[in-house]
N, C-alpha and C. Protein backbone atom coordinates (compact mmCIF):
# COMPACT_ATOMS: atom_id res chain seq x y z
N MET A 1 60.90 -44.42 -6.07
CA MET A 1 62.27 -44.03 -5.74
C MET A 1 63.21 -45.13 -6.22
N SER A 2 64.18 -44.81 -7.02
CA SER A 2 65.13 -45.83 -7.42
C SER A 2 66.42 -45.65 -6.62
N LEU A 3 66.95 -46.78 -6.19
CA LEU A 3 68.18 -46.76 -5.39
C LEU A 3 69.40 -46.58 -6.26
N GLU A 4 70.42 -45.95 -5.65
CA GLU A 4 71.69 -45.76 -6.37
C GLU A 4 72.84 -46.12 -5.50
N VAL A 5 73.97 -46.37 -6.12
CA VAL A 5 75.20 -46.65 -5.35
C VAL A 5 75.43 -45.46 -4.43
N GLY A 6 75.80 -45.78 -3.18
CA GLY A 6 76.00 -44.72 -2.17
C GLY A 6 74.83 -44.56 -1.24
N ASN A 7 73.61 -44.96 -1.70
CA ASN A 7 72.43 -44.91 -0.82
C ASN A 7 72.56 -45.87 0.32
N VAL A 8 71.91 -45.60 1.42
CA VAL A 8 71.78 -46.58 2.49
C VAL A 8 70.72 -47.59 2.01
N ALA A 9 71.05 -48.86 2.12
CA ALA A 9 70.14 -49.94 1.72
C ALA A 9 68.92 -49.92 2.67
N PRO A 10 67.71 -49.95 2.10
CA PRO A 10 66.52 -49.94 2.95
C PRO A 10 66.50 -51.17 3.88
N ASP A 11 66.25 -50.95 5.16
CA ASP A 11 66.10 -52.09 6.05
C ASP A 11 64.74 -52.71 5.72
N PHE A 12 64.62 -53.98 6.02
CA PHE A 12 63.32 -54.64 5.77
C PHE A 12 63.14 -55.70 6.85
N GLN A 13 61.92 -56.14 6.99
CA GLN A 13 61.63 -57.28 7.86
C GLN A 13 60.72 -58.23 7.09
N SER A 14 61.17 -59.46 7.03
CA SER A 14 60.39 -60.50 6.33
C SER A 14 60.65 -61.80 7.05
N ILE A 15 60.45 -62.92 6.32
CA ILE A 15 60.77 -64.21 6.90
C ILE A 15 61.67 -65.02 5.96
N ASP A 16 62.48 -65.89 6.56
CA ASP A 16 63.33 -66.76 5.72
C ASP A 16 62.56 -68.06 5.41
N GLN A 17 63.27 -68.98 4.79
CA GLN A 17 62.68 -70.23 4.35
C GLN A 17 62.08 -71.08 5.50
N ASN A 18 62.52 -70.81 6.74
CA ASN A 18 62.04 -71.55 7.89
C ASN A 18 60.93 -70.81 8.64
N GLY A 19 60.55 -69.61 8.11
CA GLY A 19 59.54 -68.83 8.78
C GLY A 19 60.08 -67.97 9.86
N ASN A 20 61.43 -67.94 10.01
CA ASN A 20 62.05 -67.07 11.01
C ASN A 20 62.11 -65.63 10.55
N PRO A 21 61.91 -64.66 11.48
CA PRO A 21 62.02 -63.28 11.06
C PRO A 21 63.47 -62.95 10.61
N ILE A 22 63.59 -62.14 9.58
CA ILE A 22 64.89 -61.75 9.09
C ILE A 22 64.83 -60.29 8.69
N LYS A 23 65.86 -59.55 9.06
CA LYS A 23 65.98 -58.13 8.75
C LYS A 23 67.34 -57.89 8.18
N LEU A 24 67.48 -56.90 7.29
CA LEU A 24 68.78 -56.53 6.76
C LEU A 24 69.66 -56.06 7.93
N SER A 25 69.11 -55.32 8.89
CA SER A 25 69.91 -54.79 10.00
C SER A 25 70.49 -55.89 10.86
N ASP A 26 70.01 -57.14 10.76
CA ASP A 26 70.64 -58.28 11.43
C ASP A 26 72.08 -58.51 10.99
N PHE A 27 72.40 -57.99 9.79
CA PHE A 27 73.70 -58.25 9.17
C PHE A 27 74.62 -57.03 9.21
N LYS A 28 74.29 -56.01 10.02
CA LYS A 28 75.12 -54.85 10.19
C LYS A 28 76.53 -55.28 10.53
N GLY A 29 77.52 -54.67 9.92
CA GLY A 29 78.92 -55.07 10.17
C GLY A 29 79.39 -56.15 9.24
N LYS A 30 78.51 -56.64 8.37
CA LYS A 30 78.89 -57.65 7.37
C LYS A 30 78.56 -57.13 6.00
N LYS A 31 79.27 -57.65 5.00
CA LYS A 31 78.96 -57.30 3.60
C LYS A 31 77.88 -58.28 3.15
N VAL A 32 76.90 -57.77 2.41
CA VAL A 32 75.74 -58.60 2.03
C VAL A 32 75.56 -58.54 0.50
N VAL A 33 75.33 -59.73 -0.07
CA VAL A 33 74.87 -59.90 -1.44
C VAL A 33 73.39 -60.13 -1.32
N LEU A 34 72.59 -59.14 -1.70
CA LEU A 34 71.15 -59.24 -1.66
C LEU A 34 70.65 -59.36 -3.09
N TYR A 35 70.26 -60.62 -3.45
CA TYR A 35 69.89 -60.78 -4.87
C TYR A 35 68.40 -61.12 -4.98
N PHE A 36 67.76 -60.43 -5.91
CA PHE A 36 66.37 -60.58 -6.22
C PHE A 36 66.23 -61.42 -7.47
N TYR A 37 65.39 -62.44 -7.43
CA TYR A 37 65.21 -63.33 -8.57
C TYR A 37 63.72 -63.65 -8.70
N PRO A 38 63.27 -63.96 -9.96
CA PRO A 38 61.83 -64.13 -10.17
C PRO A 38 61.17 -65.32 -9.50
N LYS A 39 61.71 -66.53 -9.60
CA LYS A 39 60.94 -67.67 -9.12
C LYS A 39 61.83 -68.89 -8.83
N ASP A 40 61.49 -69.55 -7.71
CA ASP A 40 62.17 -70.79 -7.35
C ASP A 40 61.98 -71.84 -8.45
N ASN A 41 63.01 -72.68 -8.64
CA ASN A 41 62.95 -73.84 -9.52
C ASN A 41 62.63 -73.54 -10.99
N THR A 42 63.05 -72.34 -11.47
CA THR A 42 62.93 -72.06 -12.89
C THR A 42 64.37 -72.09 -13.41
N PRO A 43 64.56 -72.28 -14.72
CA PRO A 43 65.91 -72.50 -15.23
C PRO A 43 66.94 -71.40 -14.89
N GLY A 44 66.61 -70.14 -15.18
CA GLY A 44 67.55 -69.05 -14.92
C GLY A 44 67.81 -68.89 -13.45
N CYS A 45 66.76 -68.98 -12.64
CA CYS A 45 66.92 -68.77 -11.20
C CYS A 45 67.70 -69.91 -10.57
N THR A 46 67.52 -71.12 -11.09
CA THR A 46 68.28 -72.26 -10.58
C THR A 46 69.74 -72.11 -10.96
N SER A 47 70.03 -71.70 -12.21
CA SER A 47 71.43 -71.47 -12.66
C SER A 47 72.10 -70.45 -11.75
N GLN A 48 71.39 -69.37 -11.48
CA GLN A 48 71.95 -68.31 -10.65
C GLN A 48 72.21 -68.81 -9.22
N ALA A 49 71.23 -69.46 -8.62
CA ALA A 49 71.40 -69.97 -7.24
C ALA A 49 72.53 -71.01 -7.17
N CYS A 50 72.63 -71.86 -8.18
CA CYS A 50 73.69 -72.88 -8.19
C CYS A 50 75.05 -72.30 -8.38
N ASP A 51 75.15 -71.22 -9.17
CA ASP A 51 76.45 -70.52 -9.34
C ASP A 51 76.88 -69.95 -7.98
N LEU A 52 75.96 -69.36 -7.26
CA LEU A 52 76.29 -68.80 -5.96
C LEU A 52 76.60 -69.91 -4.98
N ARG A 53 75.89 -71.05 -5.06
CA ARG A 53 76.17 -72.18 -4.18
C ARG A 53 77.59 -72.73 -4.47
N ASP A 54 77.91 -72.92 -5.74
CA ASP A 54 79.18 -73.54 -6.14
C ASP A 54 80.36 -72.67 -5.78
N ASN A 55 80.13 -71.37 -5.63
CA ASN A 55 81.21 -70.39 -5.32
C ASN A 55 81.04 -69.81 -3.91
N TYR A 56 80.20 -70.43 -3.11
CA TYR A 56 79.84 -69.91 -1.81
C TYR A 56 81.06 -69.68 -0.91
N GLU A 57 82.00 -70.63 -0.94
CA GLU A 57 83.21 -70.52 -0.14
C GLU A 57 84.01 -69.27 -0.48
N ALA A 58 84.14 -69.00 -1.79
CA ALA A 58 84.86 -67.79 -2.23
C ALA A 58 84.13 -66.53 -1.78
N LEU A 59 82.80 -66.55 -1.83
CA LEU A 59 82.01 -65.41 -1.36
C LEU A 59 82.19 -65.20 0.13
N GLN A 60 82.19 -66.31 0.88
CA GLN A 60 82.41 -66.20 2.34
C GLN A 60 83.80 -65.68 2.64
N LYS A 61 84.79 -66.19 1.89
CA LYS A 61 86.19 -65.74 2.13
C LYS A 61 86.31 -64.22 1.87
N ALA A 62 85.53 -63.73 0.93
CA ALA A 62 85.52 -62.28 0.60
C ALA A 62 84.69 -61.52 1.62
N GLY A 63 84.06 -62.23 2.59
CA GLY A 63 83.36 -61.56 3.67
C GLY A 63 81.86 -61.35 3.43
N TYR A 64 81.29 -62.02 2.40
CA TYR A 64 79.91 -61.80 2.09
C TYR A 64 78.94 -62.78 2.73
N VAL A 65 77.76 -62.24 3.11
CA VAL A 65 76.62 -63.03 3.48
C VAL A 65 75.70 -62.98 2.21
N VAL A 66 75.17 -64.10 1.80
CA VAL A 66 74.32 -64.16 0.61
C VAL A 66 72.85 -64.35 1.05
N LEU A 67 71.99 -63.48 0.50
CA LEU A 67 70.56 -63.56 0.78
C LEU A 67 69.81 -63.48 -0.57
N GLY A 68 68.95 -64.43 -0.84
CA GLY A 68 68.10 -64.38 -2.05
C GLY A 68 66.75 -63.92 -1.68
N VAL A 69 66.08 -63.19 -2.57
CA VAL A 69 64.73 -62.70 -2.33
C VAL A 69 63.84 -62.99 -3.55
N SER A 70 62.72 -63.61 -3.29
CA SER A 70 61.68 -63.71 -4.35
C SER A 70 60.34 -63.64 -3.68
N SER A 71 59.30 -63.58 -4.47
CA SER A 71 57.97 -63.46 -3.90
C SER A 71 57.34 -64.86 -3.63
N ASP A 72 58.17 -65.90 -3.73
CA ASP A 72 57.69 -67.24 -3.44
C ASP A 72 57.51 -67.39 -1.92
N SER A 73 56.76 -68.41 -1.54
CA SER A 73 56.50 -68.71 -0.09
C SER A 73 57.70 -69.33 0.58
N ALA A 74 57.71 -69.31 1.90
CA ALA A 74 58.79 -69.96 2.66
C ALA A 74 58.85 -71.45 2.31
N LYS A 75 57.69 -72.06 2.14
CA LYS A 75 57.65 -73.51 1.83
C LYS A 75 58.29 -73.78 0.48
N SER A 76 58.01 -72.95 -0.51
CA SER A 76 58.63 -73.04 -1.84
C SER A 76 60.16 -72.88 -1.72
N HIS A 77 60.59 -71.94 -0.91
CA HIS A 77 62.03 -71.70 -0.66
C HIS A 77 62.69 -72.95 -0.02
N GLN A 78 61.99 -73.53 0.92
CA GLN A 78 62.53 -74.74 1.60
C GLN A 78 62.80 -75.84 0.57
N LYS A 79 61.82 -76.05 -0.32
CA LYS A 79 61.96 -77.09 -1.33
C LYS A 79 63.12 -76.78 -2.28
N PHE A 80 63.22 -75.53 -2.68
CA PHE A 80 64.31 -75.06 -3.59
C PHE A 80 65.65 -75.30 -2.94
N ILE A 81 65.77 -74.93 -1.66
CA ILE A 81 67.05 -75.06 -0.94
C ILE A 81 67.39 -76.57 -0.84
N GLU A 82 66.42 -77.39 -0.47
CA GLU A 82 66.67 -78.84 -0.32
C GLU A 82 67.05 -79.47 -1.67
N LYS A 83 66.34 -79.14 -2.73
CA LYS A 83 66.57 -79.70 -4.07
C LYS A 83 67.94 -79.32 -4.58
N GLN A 84 68.33 -78.07 -4.41
CA GLN A 84 69.58 -77.54 -4.96
C GLN A 84 70.74 -77.49 -3.95
N ASN A 85 70.45 -77.91 -2.72
CA ASN A 85 71.46 -77.92 -1.65
C ASN A 85 72.09 -76.53 -1.47
N LEU A 86 71.25 -75.51 -1.32
CA LEU A 86 71.74 -74.14 -1.19
C LEU A 86 72.18 -73.87 0.27
N PRO A 87 73.34 -73.26 0.41
CA PRO A 87 73.88 -73.00 1.77
C PRO A 87 73.52 -71.63 2.34
N PHE A 88 72.66 -70.90 1.67
CA PHE A 88 72.28 -69.54 2.12
C PHE A 88 70.78 -69.41 2.25
N SER A 89 70.35 -68.36 2.99
CA SER A 89 68.92 -68.14 3.24
C SER A 89 68.23 -67.49 2.04
N LEU A 90 66.96 -67.84 1.90
CA LEU A 90 66.08 -67.20 0.94
C LEU A 90 64.94 -66.50 1.68
N ILE A 91 64.68 -65.29 1.26
CA ILE A 91 63.65 -64.47 1.90
C ILE A 91 62.35 -64.59 1.14
N ALA A 92 61.31 -64.91 1.89
CA ALA A 92 59.96 -65.03 1.31
C ALA A 92 59.29 -63.65 1.36
N ASP A 93 59.12 -63.05 0.23
CA ASP A 93 58.59 -61.69 0.13
C ASP A 93 57.23 -61.77 -0.55
N GLU A 94 56.30 -62.52 0.03
CA GLU A 94 55.02 -62.70 -0.62
C GLU A 94 54.20 -61.42 -0.75
N ASP A 95 54.38 -60.49 0.21
CA ASP A 95 53.65 -59.20 0.10
C ASP A 95 54.40 -58.16 -0.78
N LYS A 96 55.57 -58.55 -1.23
CA LYS A 96 56.41 -57.77 -2.12
C LYS A 96 56.89 -56.46 -1.50
N SER A 97 56.89 -56.36 -0.17
CA SER A 97 57.34 -55.14 0.50
C SER A 97 58.84 -54.92 0.33
N VAL A 98 59.63 -56.02 0.30
CA VAL A 98 61.07 -55.88 0.13
C VAL A 98 61.35 -55.49 -1.34
N HIS A 99 60.64 -56.12 -2.25
CA HIS A 99 60.75 -55.75 -3.69
C HIS A 99 60.43 -54.27 -3.88
N GLU A 100 59.36 -53.80 -3.26
CA GLU A 100 58.94 -52.42 -3.39
C GLU A 100 60.03 -51.49 -2.84
N ALA A 101 60.60 -51.84 -1.67
CA ALA A 101 61.64 -50.97 -1.07
C ALA A 101 62.89 -50.87 -1.97
N TYR A 102 63.17 -51.93 -2.73
CA TYR A 102 64.34 -51.94 -3.58
C TYR A 102 64.05 -51.62 -5.05
N GLY A 103 62.80 -51.39 -5.38
CA GLY A 103 62.46 -51.05 -6.75
C GLY A 103 62.56 -52.20 -7.73
N THR A 104 62.43 -53.43 -7.23
CA THR A 104 62.59 -54.59 -8.10
C THR A 104 61.27 -55.23 -8.53
N TRP A 105 60.14 -54.70 -8.07
CA TRP A 105 58.85 -55.19 -8.54
C TRP A 105 58.38 -54.24 -9.66
N VAL A 106 58.51 -54.68 -10.89
CA VAL A 106 58.38 -53.80 -12.03
C VAL A 106 57.42 -54.36 -13.08
N GLU A 107 56.98 -53.48 -14.00
CA GLU A 107 56.20 -53.94 -15.12
C GLU A 107 57.11 -54.58 -16.12
N LYS A 108 56.71 -55.76 -16.56
CA LYS A 108 57.53 -56.50 -17.56
C LYS A 108 56.61 -56.75 -18.75
N SER A 109 57.21 -57.22 -19.84
CA SER A 109 56.44 -57.52 -21.03
C SER A 109 56.97 -58.77 -21.69
N MET A 110 56.05 -59.69 -22.03
CA MET A 110 56.44 -60.87 -22.77
C MET A 110 55.39 -61.15 -23.80
N TYR A 111 55.87 -61.27 -25.06
CA TYR A 111 54.97 -61.50 -26.19
C TYR A 111 53.87 -60.44 -26.25
N GLY A 112 54.23 -59.18 -25.91
CA GLY A 112 53.28 -58.10 -25.98
C GLY A 112 52.35 -58.00 -24.78
N ARG A 113 52.41 -58.96 -23.86
CA ARG A 113 51.55 -58.93 -22.68
C ARG A 113 52.34 -58.29 -21.53
N LYS A 114 51.69 -57.35 -20.89
CA LYS A 114 52.32 -56.65 -19.74
C LYS A 114 51.87 -57.34 -18.45
N TYR A 115 52.81 -57.44 -17.53
CA TYR A 115 52.53 -58.03 -16.21
C TYR A 115 53.56 -57.53 -15.24
N MET A 116 53.30 -57.71 -13.95
CA MET A 116 54.20 -57.30 -12.90
C MET A 116 55.08 -58.48 -12.54
N GLY A 117 56.38 -58.20 -12.33
CA GLY A 117 57.29 -59.28 -11.95
C GLY A 117 58.58 -58.72 -11.39
N THR A 118 59.47 -59.63 -11.02
CA THR A 118 60.74 -59.27 -10.40
C THR A 118 61.81 -58.91 -11.43
N ALA A 119 62.44 -57.79 -11.26
CA ALA A 119 63.58 -57.43 -12.09
C ALA A 119 64.78 -58.11 -11.41
N ARG A 120 65.43 -59.05 -12.11
CA ARG A 120 66.56 -59.77 -11.56
C ARG A 120 67.69 -58.76 -11.31
N THR A 121 67.93 -58.47 -10.04
CA THR A 121 68.88 -57.44 -9.66
C THR A 121 69.59 -57.86 -8.40
N THR A 122 70.89 -57.51 -8.30
CA THR A 122 71.68 -57.84 -7.11
C THR A 122 72.24 -56.53 -6.54
N PHE A 123 72.09 -56.38 -5.20
CA PHE A 123 72.61 -55.24 -4.52
C PHE A 123 73.76 -55.72 -3.63
N ILE A 124 74.90 -55.06 -3.77
CA ILE A 124 76.05 -55.35 -2.91
C ILE A 124 76.07 -54.28 -1.84
N ILE A 125 76.01 -54.70 -0.59
CA ILE A 125 75.85 -53.76 0.57
C ILE A 125 77.07 -53.91 1.47
N ASP A 126 77.66 -52.80 1.85
CA ASP A 126 78.84 -52.86 2.72
C ASP A 126 78.49 -52.98 4.18
N GLU A 127 79.54 -53.07 5.02
CA GLU A 127 79.34 -53.28 6.47
C GLU A 127 78.57 -52.15 7.13
N GLN A 128 78.55 -50.98 6.55
CA GLN A 128 77.80 -49.85 7.13
C GLN A 128 76.38 -49.77 6.60
N GLY A 129 76.01 -50.70 5.72
CA GLY A 129 74.65 -50.72 5.19
C GLY A 129 74.48 -49.86 3.94
N LYS A 130 75.57 -49.46 3.33
CA LYS A 130 75.48 -48.66 2.08
C LYS A 130 75.61 -49.54 0.87
N ILE A 131 74.84 -49.17 -0.17
CA ILE A 131 74.93 -49.91 -1.42
C ILE A 131 76.21 -49.53 -2.13
N THR A 132 77.06 -50.53 -2.45
CA THR A 132 78.32 -50.23 -3.12
C THR A 132 78.27 -50.60 -4.59
N GLU A 133 77.28 -51.47 -4.96
CA GLU A 133 77.15 -51.83 -6.36
C GLU A 133 75.73 -52.35 -6.59
N ILE A 134 75.24 -52.09 -7.78
CA ILE A 134 73.94 -52.62 -8.21
C ILE A 134 74.16 -53.34 -9.54
N ILE A 135 73.91 -54.63 -9.54
CA ILE A 135 74.09 -55.44 -10.77
C ILE A 135 72.70 -55.69 -11.33
N ASP A 136 72.40 -55.02 -12.47
CA ASP A 136 71.07 -55.19 -13.06
C ASP A 136 71.10 -56.00 -14.38
N LYS A 137 72.30 -56.30 -14.83
CA LYS A 137 72.45 -57.17 -16.01
C LYS A 137 73.09 -58.47 -15.51
N VAL A 138 72.31 -59.24 -14.77
CA VAL A 138 72.85 -60.46 -14.11
C VAL A 138 73.08 -61.57 -15.16
N LYS A 139 74.28 -62.13 -15.08
CA LYS A 139 74.58 -63.32 -15.92
C LYS A 139 74.40 -64.50 -14.97
N THR A 140 73.30 -65.22 -15.13
CA THR A 140 72.92 -66.24 -14.14
C THR A 140 73.97 -67.32 -13.93
N LYS A 141 74.67 -67.71 -15.01
CA LYS A 141 75.66 -68.79 -14.87
C LYS A 141 77.04 -68.33 -14.39
N GLU A 142 77.22 -67.01 -14.33
CA GLU A 142 78.52 -66.51 -13.87
C GLU A 142 78.35 -65.32 -12.93
N HIS A 143 77.34 -65.39 -12.12
CA HIS A 143 76.99 -64.29 -11.22
C HIS A 143 78.05 -63.99 -10.19
N THR A 144 78.68 -65.07 -9.65
CA THR A 144 79.73 -64.86 -8.66
C THR A 144 80.87 -64.03 -9.25
N ASN A 145 81.22 -64.27 -10.50
CA ASN A 145 82.27 -63.45 -11.13
C ASN A 145 81.91 -61.99 -11.19
N GLN A 146 80.62 -61.70 -11.41
CA GLN A 146 80.20 -60.32 -11.43
C GLN A 146 80.33 -59.68 -10.04
N ILE A 147 80.11 -60.46 -9.02
CA ILE A 147 80.20 -59.94 -7.63
C ILE A 147 81.65 -59.78 -7.20
N LEU A 148 82.47 -60.76 -7.48
CA LEU A 148 83.85 -60.73 -6.95
C LEU A 148 84.89 -60.08 -7.86
N LYS A 149 84.48 -59.62 -9.06
CA LYS A 149 85.41 -59.11 -10.08
C LYS A 149 86.50 -58.23 -9.54
């Protein structure tokens, strides 16, 4: 099932970088930037996270909560947050259940080799839990501009 603008965003339960339970429904009544990225501490993912960090105040002023999701462990997320001084939570989706719910765990291809990986995608979710935008052509260095346009 692929999600579309207007769909209710699937609720999920996972853990954040500190091992604390986290659910989308915890943020009901708030706008959420839920961004899926392939891997902590890789060039594109670091650029994207740092762009969101550097513009975090503007995102907060616009009423957004920012949540990143990858299949990395909570411990990996902790190191990434510390190294890059990220002010938002990262969700550890090691079992890929959140990726599956959002359709972001997909077959990819590099140099003719097929493998499963994360489709870099951002879902903008309104206060009622509805998807208002899906950004699937993420510009890692200017992602905030894509969100706040």
